[in-house]
Amino acid sequence: MSETHKFHGTVLREYDIRGIVGKTLTAADARAIGRSFGTVVVRGGGDRVCVGYDGRLSSVELEAALVEGLVSTGLHVERIGLGPTPMLYFAVRDREASAGVMITGSHNPPDYNGFKMMMGKAPVYGQAILELGEIAAKGDYAVGEGRAEKIDIRDAYVERLLKDYDGARDLTVAWDAGNGAAGEILKRLTARLPGKHILLFEDIDGNFPNHHPDPTMPENLVDLQQAVAEHKCDLGIAFDGDGDRIGAVDAGGRIVWGDQLVAIYASEVLKTHPGGTIIADVKASQTLFDEIERLGGKPLMWKTGHSLLKAKMAETGSPLAGEMSGHIFFADKWYGFDDALYCGIRLVALVAKSDKTLAELRDVLPEVFNTPEVRFQTDEERKFAVVKEVKARLAASGATVNDIDGVRVNTEDGWWLLRASNTQDVLVARCEAFSPEGLERLKALLVEQLGASGISAPADF
């Protein structure tokens, strides 16, 4: 037994560990995570762990503390350095490591940071994350003499990304790295891709001086839209802060949302996986589930969360899954983890071998009227309670509700969703209707439920 450690109550989350650096997350926490996770790895028979980090200003310090903790348990740590989260996932696979840890704040504000973990090929989430807190609280750590070394996986990763490119014609593509961790790999990748490539904000900078790296927010895609128009691009692609979520715009500057991308990918994937199960999260459009069925696939609605979808893919043997947020997972030709660079390669290749533009591929889906993901600020501890209150009121009213993740409410106009974010102190909502008038009615129902729980909707909602 050794000294104990207690984490802030908001840090250990459903599918990763995340907090505000200097407030709820410190280097001492990173060291304790290393010791706790290292203990689990060692006691499970593992001996080698890959570690990577993103471009946030706090990542270098947190990585050093994490490695110190891992080494203290007797592990051999391979430090792959600065890069996107999927490069860490790839390193674990490519080097057949026992486990992996990525230090990343993903799409959160600059003062956030956190950890994503994998044990073998599987994500670490849920109860397994809470158990790390229990080990630290008891000080029940494994002790050994480990070591750390630096390795360079970048060339091998780029080589693997390029392997599945099979485009038949050259395209002009704009890429927005958002000053996130994918920038360096993006430069190497596009230097070897056919066609013309315009790179925006490819220099990694944890201050994110140009715009926040979250491609689900339309305001963060304005620069990409302008570049697509200026250079007459066939399409534009954007990444989040750690390179595991993709955003896209067509040649006309229209945003192609995550669920629409999944539908486009499914049209190709189901040709080689007829009847395959395609998974999407509860925020996805009903048009996606209908399109999967039309293409001969089996649509499956599941909980939001990259770890949860990866686990469900493994369970069902799904070749493709995706979230509205741009986490898209290929098991077709790839490894089943979310990699926005790989998704970008697949999207460019798909358009480059099609006789249709990205806009035409998108317009196969019927027109509906919907909101993007709308986020309502609330207290970290309050957000789950609000969803429970709304669910109880809906049950009492006899509404038609899917409660697999929050509440997704079906009406004659369409559907609306409210769920608690597992990564931010917000409630996430979305509405989709068959008409503009129906959309306004759905929004009014949502606002009414939020108001009953003391949450105010923004004036422009």
Protein backbone atom coordinates (compact mmCIF):
# COMPACT_ATOMS: atom_id res chain seq x y z
CA MET A 1 0.00 0.00 0.00
CA SER A 2 1.14 3.60 -0.64
CA GLU A 3 -0.28 7.10 -0.47
CA THR A 4 -3.91 7.48 -1.48
CA HIS A 5 -5.35 9.88 -4.03
CA LYS A 6 -8.83 11.30 -4.53
CA PHE A 7 -10.02 12.72 -7.85
CA HIS A 8 -12.41 15.63 -8.22
CA GLY A 9 -15.98 14.35 -8.43
CA THR A 10 -16.47 15.47 -12.06
CA VAL A 11 -13.27 14.03 -13.58
CA LEU A 12 -13.98 10.29 -13.95
CA ARG A 13 -16.62 10.14 -16.68
CA GLU A 14 -18.57 7.57 -18.67
CA TYR A 15 -16.11 7.11 -21.50
CA ASP A 16 -13.00 9.06 -20.61
CA ILE A 17 -11.34 11.15 -17.89
CA ARG A 18 -11.59 14.92 -18.29
CA GLY A 19 -11.32 18.13 -16.29
CA ILE A 20 -10.23 21.76 -16.12
CA VAL A 21 -6.46 21.96 -15.75
CA GLY A 22 -5.38 23.55 -12.48
CA LYS A 23 -8.90 23.33 -11.06
CA THR A 24 -10.33 19.84 -11.34
CA LEU A 25 -7.36 18.16 -13.08
CA THR A 26 -3.68 18.36 -12.09
CA ALA A 27 -0.34 16.67 -12.70
CA ALA A 28 -0.89 14.78 -9.43
CA ASP A 29 -4.10 13.38 -10.93
CA ALA A 30 -2.20 12.34 -14.08
CA ARG A 31 0.40 10.54 -11.96
CA ALA A 32 -2.34 8.75 -10.01
CA ILE A 33 -4.06 7.76 -13.26
CA GLY A 34 -0.76 6.31 -14.45
CA ARG A 35 -0.34 4.34 -11.25
CA SER A 36 -3.97 3.14 -11.19
CA PHE A 37 -4.22 2.24 -14.87
CA GLY A 38 -0.74 0.74 -14.80
CA THR A 39 -1.84 -1.42 -11.89
CA VAL A 40 -4.81 -2.74 -13.89
CA VAL A 41 -2.57 -3.46 -16.89
CA VAL A 42 0.10 -5.25 -14.83
CA ARG A 43 -2.38 -7.31 -12.84
CA GLY A 44 -4.06 -8.27 -16.10
CA GLY A 45 -0.78 -9.67 -17.43
CA GLY A 46 0.22 -6.69 -19.58
CA ASP A 47 3.75 -5.33 -19.84
CA ARG A 48 3.78 -2.53 -22.46
CA VAL A 49 1.74 0.68 -22.88
CA CYS A 50 1.76 3.30 -25.66
CA VAL A 51 1.23 6.94 -24.63
CA GLY A 52 0.49 9.96 -26.83
CA TYR A 53 -0.62 13.55 -26.28
CA ASP A 54 -2.39 16.35 -28.16
CA GLY A 55 -1.32 19.95 -28.75
CA ARG A 56 -2.83 21.54 -25.66
CA LEU A 57 -0.53 23.68 -23.58
CA SER A 58 -0.97 21.42 -20.53
CA SER A 59 -0.47 18.12 -22.36
CA VAL A 60 3.32 17.93 -22.04
CA GLU A 61 3.23 18.22 -18.24
CA LEU A 62 0.35 15.76 -17.90
CA GLU A 63 2.07 13.26 -20.21
CA ALA A 64 5.26 13.36 -18.14
CA ALA A 65 3.35 12.77 -14.90
CA LEU A 66 1.27 9.97 -16.45
CA VAL A 67 4.39 8.21 -17.73
CA GLU A 68 6.01 8.51 -14.31
CA GLY A 69 2.99 6.79 -12.78
CA LEU A 70 2.93 4.03 -15.40
CA VAL A 71 6.65 3.32 -15.07
CA SER A 72 6.32 3.05 -11.27
CA THR A 73 4.10 -0.01 -11.75
CA GLY A 74 6.79 -1.83 -13.74
CA LEU A 75 5.52 -1.15 -17.26
CA HIS A 76 7.51 -0.51 -20.41
CA VAL A 77 6.09 2.77 -21.79
CA GLU A 78 6.41 3.67 -25.48
CA ARG A 79 5.99 7.44 -25.85
CA ILE A 80 4.74 8.22 -29.35
CA GLY A 81 4.68 11.97 -28.71
CA LEU A 82 2.47 14.71 -30.14
CA GLY A 83 -0.24 13.69 -32.58
CA PRO A 84 -3.93 12.88 -33.03
CA THR A 85 -5.75 10.42 -30.79
CA PRO A 86 -6.24 7.84 -33.59
CA MET A 87 -2.47 7.70 -34.06
CA LEU A 88 -2.29 6.42 -30.48
CA TYR A 89 -4.98 3.85 -31.24
CA PHE A 90 -3.02 2.81 -34.32
CA ALA A 91 0.23 2.55 -32.35
CA VAL A 92 -1.33 0.14 -29.86
CA ARG A 93 -2.52 -2.05 -32.74
CA ASP A 94 0.59 -1.78 -34.87
CA ARG A 95 3.01 -2.44 -32.01
CA GLU A 96 0.75 -5.01 -30.33
CA ALA A 97 0.96 -3.17 -27.01
CA SER A 98 -0.99 -4.29 -23.96
CA ALA A 99 -2.74 -0.92 -23.59
CA GLY A 100 -2.69 2.76 -24.57
CA VAL A 101 -3.37 6.17 -23.06
CA MET A 102 -3.95 9.43 -24.92
CA ILE A 103 -3.73 12.79 -23.16
CA THR A 104 -6.31 14.99 -24.88
CA GLY A 105 -8.98 17.60 -24.26
CA SER A 106 -10.62 16.69 -27.58
CA HIS A 107 -13.02 19.47 -28.65
CA ASN A 108 -13.30 21.12 -25.23
CA PRO A 109 -12.08 24.68 -24.43
CA PRO A 110 -8.29 25.22 -24.18
CA ASP A 111 -8.19 24.96 -20.37
CA TYR A 112 -9.61 21.42 -20.43
CA ASN A 113 -7.61 18.23 -20.79
CA GLY A 114 -8.09 14.54 -20.13
CA PHE A 115 -7.30 10.92 -20.92
CA LYS A 116 -8.66 8.32 -23.31
CA MET A 117 -7.60 4.75 -22.62
CA MET A 118 -7.68 1.39 -24.31
CA MET A 119 -6.95 -2.08 -22.99
CA GLY A 120 -5.75 -4.24 -25.84
CA LYS A 121 -8.05 -3.39 -28.74
CA ALA A 122 -10.99 -2.33 -26.57
CA PRO A 123 -11.89 1.09 -25.11
CA VAL A 124 -11.83 1.59 -21.35
CA TYR A 125 -15.10 3.15 -20.15
CA GLY A 126 -17.88 3.05 -17.59
CA GLN A 127 -17.21 0.99 -14.48
CA ALA A 128 -13.60 0.36 -15.54
CA ILE A 129 -12.90 4.10 -15.26
CA LEU A 130 -14.56 4.31 -11.83
CA GLU A 131 -12.38 1.42 -10.67
CA LEU A 132 -9.30 3.54 -11.31
CA GLY A 133 -10.62 5.98 -8.73
CA GLU A 134 -11.15 3.15 -6.27
CA ILE A 135 -7.57 1.90 -6.71
CA ALA A 136 -6.22 5.43 -6.16
CA ALA A 137 -8.44 5.99 -3.11
CA LYS A 138 -7.01 2.86 -1.50
CA GLY A 139 -3.43 3.46 -2.70
CA ASP A 140 -3.52 -0.15 -3.88
CA TYR A 141 -0.91 0.24 -6.63
CA ALA A 142 1.35 -2.32 -8.27
CA VAL A 143 5.03 -1.51 -7.78
CA GLY A 144 7.87 -2.35 -10.17
CA GLU A 145 10.83 -1.01 -12.12
CA GLY A 146 9.57 0.00 -15.54
CA ARG A 147 11.13 2.10 -18.25
CA ALA A 148 10.12 4.57 -20.93
CA GLU A 149 11.37 5.18 -24.47
CA LYS A 150 10.39 7.45 -27.32
CA ILE A 151 9.29 5.93 -30.63
CA ASP A 152 8.25 7.53 -33.94
CA ILE A 153 5.13 5.95 -35.40
CA ARG A 154 4.24 8.77 -37.81
CA ASP A 155 5.54 7.28 -41.07
CA ALA A 156 3.91 3.91 -40.40
CA TYR A 157 0.62 5.64 -39.56
CA VAL A 158 0.60 7.77 -42.72
CA GLU A 159 1.49 4.73 -44.81
CA ARG A 160 -1.49 2.83 -43.39
CA LEU A 161 -3.85 5.77 -43.90
CA LEU A 162 -2.91 5.93 -47.58
CA LYS A 163 -3.25 2.18 -48.16
CA ASP A 164 -7.02 2.27 -48.69
CA TYR A 165 -7.14 5.31 -50.98
CA ASP A 166 -8.62 4.22 -54.31
CA GLY A 167 -9.84 7.42 -55.93
CA ALA A 168 -10.12 7.39 -59.71
CA ARG A 169 -9.77 11.14 -60.45
CA ASP A 170 -7.99 14.10 -58.96
CA LEU A 171 -9.97 16.44 -56.70
CA THR A 172 -9.32 19.82 -55.13
CA VAL A 173 -9.83 19.56 -51.38
CA ALA A 174 -9.57 22.09 -48.55
CA TRP A 175 -8.58 20.74 -45.13
CA ASP A 176 -8.99 22.63 -41.83
CA ALA A 177 -6.94 21.20 -38.96
CA GLY A 178 -8.09 23.97 -36.61
CA ASN A 179 -4.57 24.19 -35.08
CA GLY A 180 -5.33 20.81 -33.53
CA ALA A 181 -3.20 17.72 -33.08
CA ALA A 182 -3.86 16.34 -36.59
CA GLY A 183 -1.91 19.12 -38.32
CA GLU A 184 1.49 17.49 -38.73
CA ILE A 185 0.07 14.19 -39.97
CA LEU A 186 -2.26 16.07 -42.32
CA LYS A 187 0.73 17.80 -43.95
CA ARG A 188 2.48 14.46 -44.49
CA LEU A 189 -0.71 12.81 -45.74
CA THR A 190 -1.78 15.45 -48.28
CA ALA A 191 1.77 15.71 -49.63
CA ARG A 192 1.32 12.16 -50.92
CA LEU A 193 -2.34 12.25 -51.99
CA PRO A 194 -3.17 12.89 -55.64
CA GLY A 195 -5.04 16.08 -56.48
CA LYS A 196 -4.74 19.62 -55.12
CA HIS A 197 -4.89 20.24 -51.38
CA ILE A 198 -5.37 23.52 -49.52
CA LEU A 199 -4.44 23.35 -45.83
CA LEU A 200 -5.84 25.70 -43.19
CA PHE A 201 -4.43 26.16 -39.68
CA GLU A 202 -2.23 23.06 -39.90
CA ASP A 203 0.26 24.40 -37.33
CA ILE A 204 -0.45 22.83 -33.94
CA ASP A 205 -1.22 25.55 -31.37
CA GLY A 206 -2.97 24.85 -28.07
CA ASN A 207 -4.27 28.43 -27.94
CA PHE A 208 -6.43 27.68 -31.02
CA PRO A 209 -5.93 31.23 -32.35
CA ASN A 210 -8.13 30.98 -35.45
CA HIS A 211 -11.27 29.19 -34.31
CA HIS A 212 -12.23 26.51 -31.82
CA PRO A 213 -11.60 23.00 -33.21
CA ASP A 214 -15.13 21.61 -33.04
CA PRO A 215 -16.60 20.82 -36.48
CA THR A 216 -20.13 20.33 -35.11
CA MET A 217 -20.45 24.11 -34.63
CA PRO A 218 -21.29 25.94 -37.90
CA GLU A 219 -19.26 29.02 -36.89
CA ASN A 220 -16.13 26.87 -36.80
CA LEU A 221 -16.59 25.89 -40.45
CA VAL A 222 -16.76 29.42 -41.90
CA ASP A 223 -13.05 29.51 -42.80
CA LEU A 224 -13.36 26.14 -44.53
CA GLN A 225 -16.43 27.28 -46.47
CA GLN A 226 -14.59 30.39 -47.62
CA ALA A 227 -11.57 28.33 -48.74
CA VAL A 228 -13.79 25.93 -50.67
CA ALA A 229 -15.41 28.86 -52.50
CA GLU A 230 -12.13 30.71 -53.14
CA HIS A 231 -10.27 27.70 -54.52
CA LYS A 232 -13.31 26.13 -56.23
CA CYS A 233 -12.83 22.94 -54.23
CA ASP A 234 -14.78 19.74 -54.71
CA LEU A 235 -15.20 19.48 -50.95
CA GLY A 236 -13.78 20.59 -47.61
CA ILE A 237 -12.88 18.55 -44.54
CA ALA A 238 -12.38 19.71 -40.93
CA PHE A 239 -11.09 18.06 -37.76
CA ASP A 240 -11.59 18.52 -34.05
CA GLY A 241 -8.79 19.18 -31.57
CA ASP A 242 -7.49 15.61 -31.37
CA GLY A 243 -8.35 14.39 -34.86
CA ASP A 244 -10.97 11.76 -34.10
CA ARG A 245 -14.02 13.73 -35.34
CA ILE A 246 -14.67 14.87 -38.89
CA GLY A 247 -16.68 17.72 -40.37
CA ALA A 248 -17.32 18.29 -44.08
CA VAL A 249 -18.75 20.80 -46.53
CA ASP A 250 -19.69 20.27 -50.16
CA ALA A 251 -18.57 22.37 -53.13
CA GLY A 252 -21.39 24.84 -52.49
CA GLY A 253 -20.33 25.33 -48.88
CA ARG A 254 -23.22 23.36 -47.38
CA ILE A 255 -22.35 21.48 -44.20
CA VAL A 256 -22.58 17.71 -44.53
CA TRP A 257 -23.39 16.59 -41.01
CA GLY A 258 -22.08 13.49 -39.28
CA ASP A 259 -25.21 11.42 -39.83
CA GLN A 260 -25.30 12.39 -43.51
CA LEU A 261 -21.67 11.29 -43.85
CA VAL A 262 -22.56 7.92 -42.31
CA ALA A 263 -25.31 7.51 -44.91
CA ILE A 264 -22.85 8.30 -47.71
CA TYR A 265 -20.27 5.88 -46.34
CA ALA A 266 -22.96 3.21 -45.84
CA SER A 267 -23.82 3.31 -49.55
CA GLU A 268 -20.31 2.01 -50.24
CA VAL A 269 -19.75 -0.22 -47.19
CA LEU A 270 -22.98 -2.17 -47.65
CA LYS A 271 -21.87 -3.23 -51.14
CA THR A 272 -19.16 -5.37 -49.56
CA HIS A 273 -21.09 -6.11 -46.34
CA PRO A 274 -24.64 -6.81 -47.60
CA GLY A 275 -27.14 -6.94 -44.75
CA GLY A 276 -24.57 -5.50 -42.34
CA THR A 277 -25.52 -3.73 -39.14
CA ILE A 278 -24.82 0.02 -39.32
CA ILE A 279 -24.92 1.81 -35.97
CA ALA A 280 -25.70 5.46 -35.27
CA ASP A 281 -26.30 7.37 -32.06
CA VAL A 282 -29.58 8.77 -30.75
CA LYS A 283 -28.82 12.22 -32.16
CA ALA A 284 -28.81 10.94 -35.75
CA SER A 285 -31.55 11.79 -38.24
CA GLN A 286 -34.32 9.32 -38.87
CA THR A 287 -33.43 9.70 -42.55
CA LEU A 288 -30.12 7.90 -41.83
CA PHE A 289 -31.83 4.87 -40.30
CA ASP A 290 -34.31 4.80 -43.19
CA GLU A 291 -31.49 5.05 -45.76
CA ILE A 292 -29.54 2.19 -44.16
CA GLU A 293 -32.65 0.04 -44.42
CA ARG A 294 -33.24 1.12 -48.03
CA LEU A 295 -29.66 0.09 -48.86
CA GLY A 296 -30.30 -3.37 -47.43
CA GLY A 297 -28.52 -2.86 -44.12
CA LYS A 298 -29.73 -3.26 -40.56
CA PRO A 299 -29.95 0.10 -38.78
CA LEU A 300 -29.24 0.14 -35.04
CA MET A 301 -29.75 3.18 -32.81
CA TRP A 302 -27.36 3.30 -29.85
CA LYS A 303 -26.06 5.49 -27.06
CA THR A 304 -23.86 8.50 -27.79
CA GLY A 305 -20.16 8.11 -26.87
CA HIS A 306 -17.12 6.94 -28.79
CA SER A 307 -16.33 4.13 -26.34
CA LEU A 308 -19.94 2.93 -26.25
CA LEU A 309 -20.23 2.78 -30.03
CA LYS A 310 -16.89 0.99 -30.42
CA ALA A 311 -17.98 -1.62 -27.90
CA LYS A 312 -21.34 -2.08 -29.67
CA MET A 313 -19.57 -2.47 -33.01
CA ALA A 314 -17.41 -5.24 -31.61
CA GLU A 315 -20.47 -6.93 -30.11
CA THR A 316 -22.54 -6.84 -33.33
CA GLY A 317 -19.80 -7.22 -35.93
CA SER A 318 -20.82 -3.90 -37.48
CA PRO A 319 -18.63 -2.67 -40.38
CA LEU A 320 -19.55 1.00 -39.84
CA ALA A 321 -20.89 3.23 -37.08
CA GLY A 322 -21.12 6.95 -36.51
CA GLU A 323 -22.30 9.82 -34.39
CA MET A 324 -23.88 13.15 -35.24
CA SER A 325 -20.80 14.69 -33.60
CA GLY A 326 -18.51 13.36 -36.35
CA HIS A 327 -17.04 10.34 -34.55
CA ILE A 328 -17.20 7.80 -37.39
CA PHE A 329 -15.88 4.25 -37.05
CA PHE A 330 -14.82 1.98 -39.90
CA ALA A 331 -14.34 -1.72 -39.29
CA ASP A 332 -14.53 -2.14 -43.06
CA LYS A 333 -10.82 -2.26 -44.06
CA TRP A 334 -9.90 -0.36 -40.86
CA TYR A 335 -9.67 -1.18 -37.15
CA GLY A 336 -13.05 -0.10 -35.79
CA PHE A 337 -11.83 3.07 -34.08
CA ASP A 338 -12.74 6.68 -34.84
CA ASP A 339 -10.15 8.34 -37.05
CA ALA A 340 -11.06 11.58 -38.83
CA LEU A 341 -7.98 11.44 -41.07
CA TYR A 342 -8.98 7.98 -42.26
CA CYS A 343 -12.58 9.13 -42.70
CA GLY A 344 -11.26 12.02 -44.77
CA ILE A 345 -9.31 9.62 -46.98
CA ARG A 346 -12.39 7.44 -47.44
CA LEU A 347 -14.59 10.46 -48.27
CA VAL A 348 -12.20 11.89 -50.86
CA ALA A 349 -11.76 8.43 -52.42
CA LEU A 350 -15.52 7.83 -52.48
CA VAL A 351 -16.18 11.10 -54.31
CA ALA A 352 -13.16 10.63 -56.58
CA LYS A 353 -14.41 7.28 -57.88
CA SER A 354 -18.07 8.33 -58.13
CA ASP A 355 -19.81 10.05 -61.01
CA LYS A 356 -21.57 12.20 -58.42
CA THR A 357 -20.43 15.20 -56.42
CA LEU A 358 -20.52 15.21 -52.63
CA ALA A 359 -23.59 17.44 -52.85
CA GLU A 360 -25.36 14.91 -55.07
CA LEU A 361 -24.45 12.06 -52.73
CA ARG A 362 -25.85 14.09 -49.81
CA ASP A 363 -29.06 14.95 -51.68
CA VAL A 364 -30.04 11.29 -51.97
CA LEU A 365 -31.45 11.75 -48.48
CA PRO A 366 -34.98 13.23 -48.28
CA GLU A 367 -35.30 16.78 -47.04
CA VAL A 368 -36.21 17.25 -43.40
CA PHE A 369 -36.08 20.28 -41.14
CA ASN A 370 -33.85 20.02 -38.12
CA THR A 371 -31.67 21.84 -35.68
CA PRO A 372 -27.98 21.15 -35.25
CA GLU A 373 -26.83 19.95 -31.83
CA VAL A 374 -27.98 22.66 -29.42
CA ARG A 375 -26.21 22.94 -26.07
CA PHE A 376 -27.78 24.37 -22.95
CA GLN A 377 -25.37 25.38 -20.21
CA THR A 378 -26.06 23.86 -16.80
CA ASP A 379 -24.23 22.68 -13.69
CA GLU A 380 -22.18 19.48 -13.99
CA GLU A 381 -24.15 17.85 -11.17
CA ARG A 382 -27.52 19.19 -12.37
CA LYS A 383 -27.50 18.00 -15.98
CA PHE A 384 -28.36 14.34 -15.30
CA ALA A 385 -31.09 15.33 -12.83
CA VAL A 386 -32.78 17.50 -15.45
CA VAL A 387 -33.01 14.60 -17.89
CA LYS A 388 -34.52 12.39 -15.17
CA GLU A 389 -37.11 15.06 -14.38
CA VAL A 390 -38.06 15.44 -18.05
CA LYS A 391 -38.28 11.67 -18.47
CA ALA A 392 -40.61 11.39 -15.47
CA ARG A 393 -42.93 14.10 -16.78
CA LEU A 394 -43.02 12.51 -20.24
CA ALA A 395 -43.82 9.09 -18.75
CA ALA A 396 -46.69 10.61 -16.79
CA SER A 397 -48.05 12.25 -19.97
CA GLY A 398 -47.95 9.03 -21.99
CA ALA A 399 -45.53 10.38 -24.60
CA THR A 400 -43.73 7.99 -26.98
CA VAL A 401 -40.16 7.97 -25.67
CA ASN A 402 -36.94 6.12 -26.53
CA ASP A 403 -34.82 6.35 -23.37
CA ILE A 404 -31.73 4.46 -24.53
CA ASP A 405 -29.70 7.65 -23.94
CA GLY A 406 -31.58 10.60 -22.49
CA VAL A 407 -35.03 11.01 -24.01
CA ARG A 408 -35.86 10.88 -27.72
CA VAL A 409 -39.52 11.81 -28.08
CA ASN A 410 -41.52 10.88 -31.18
CA THR A 411 -44.54 12.94 -32.27
CA GLU A 412 -46.58 13.32 -35.46
CA ASP A 413 -44.28 16.22 -36.41
CA GLY A 414 -41.03 14.22 -36.02
CA TRP A 415 -38.83 13.86 -32.92
CA TRP A 416 -36.89 15.81 -30.32
CA LEU A 417 -34.02 14.73 -28.09
CA LEU A 418 -32.59 15.82 -24.76
CA ARG A 419 -29.58 14.17 -23.16
CA ALA A 420 -26.80 15.06 -20.75
CA SER A 421 -23.34 15.43 -22.26
CA ASN A 422 -20.75 13.10 -20.79
CA THR A 423 -17.89 15.43 -21.72
CA GLN A 424 -19.16 18.95 -20.89
CA ASP A 425 -21.39 20.70 -18.36
CA VAL A 426 -24.22 21.01 -20.89
CA LEU A 427 -27.49 19.47 -21.94
CA VAL A 428 -27.58 18.50 -25.62
CA ALA A 429 -30.77 18.78 -27.66
CA ARG A 430 -31.88 18.24 -31.23
CA CYS A 431 -35.19 18.42 -33.08
CA GLU A 432 -36.18 17.07 -36.50
CA ALA A 433 -39.48 17.56 -38.31
CA PHE A 434 -41.14 16.99 -41.65
CA SER A 435 -42.02 20.70 -42.05
CA PRO A 436 -40.79 24.08 -40.79
CA GLU A 437 -44.00 24.50 -38.80
CA GLY A 438 -43.54 21.09 -37.21
CA LEU A 439 -40.00 21.99 -36.23
CA GLU A 440 -41.24 25.06 -34.37
CA ARG A 441 -43.78 22.94 -32.49
CA LEU A 442 -41.08 20.42 -31.51
CA LYS A 443 -38.80 23.21 -30.31
CA ALA A 444 -41.64 24.64 -28.25
CA LEU A 445 -42.19 21.25 -26.58
CA LEU A 446 -38.50 21.02 -25.74
CA VAL A 447 -38.36 24.57 -24.37
CA GLU A 448 -41.45 23.84 -22.26
CA GLN A 449 -39.81 20.78 -20.69
CA LEU A 450 -36.56 22.61 -20.05
CA GLY A 451 -38.42 25.51 -18.47
CA ALA A 452 -40.26 23.13 -16.13
CA SER A 453 -36.81 22.11 -14.82
CA GLY A 454 -35.57 25.68 -14.51
CA ILE A 455 -33.41 25.71 -17.67
CA SER A 456 -33.76 28.71 -20.01
CA ALA A 457 -33.38 28.27 -23.74
CA PRO A 458 -31.37 30.92 -25.63
CA ALA A 459 -33.46 33.60 -27.33
CA ASP A 460 -32.37 32.50 -30.81
CA PHE A 461 -33.44 28.85 -30.33
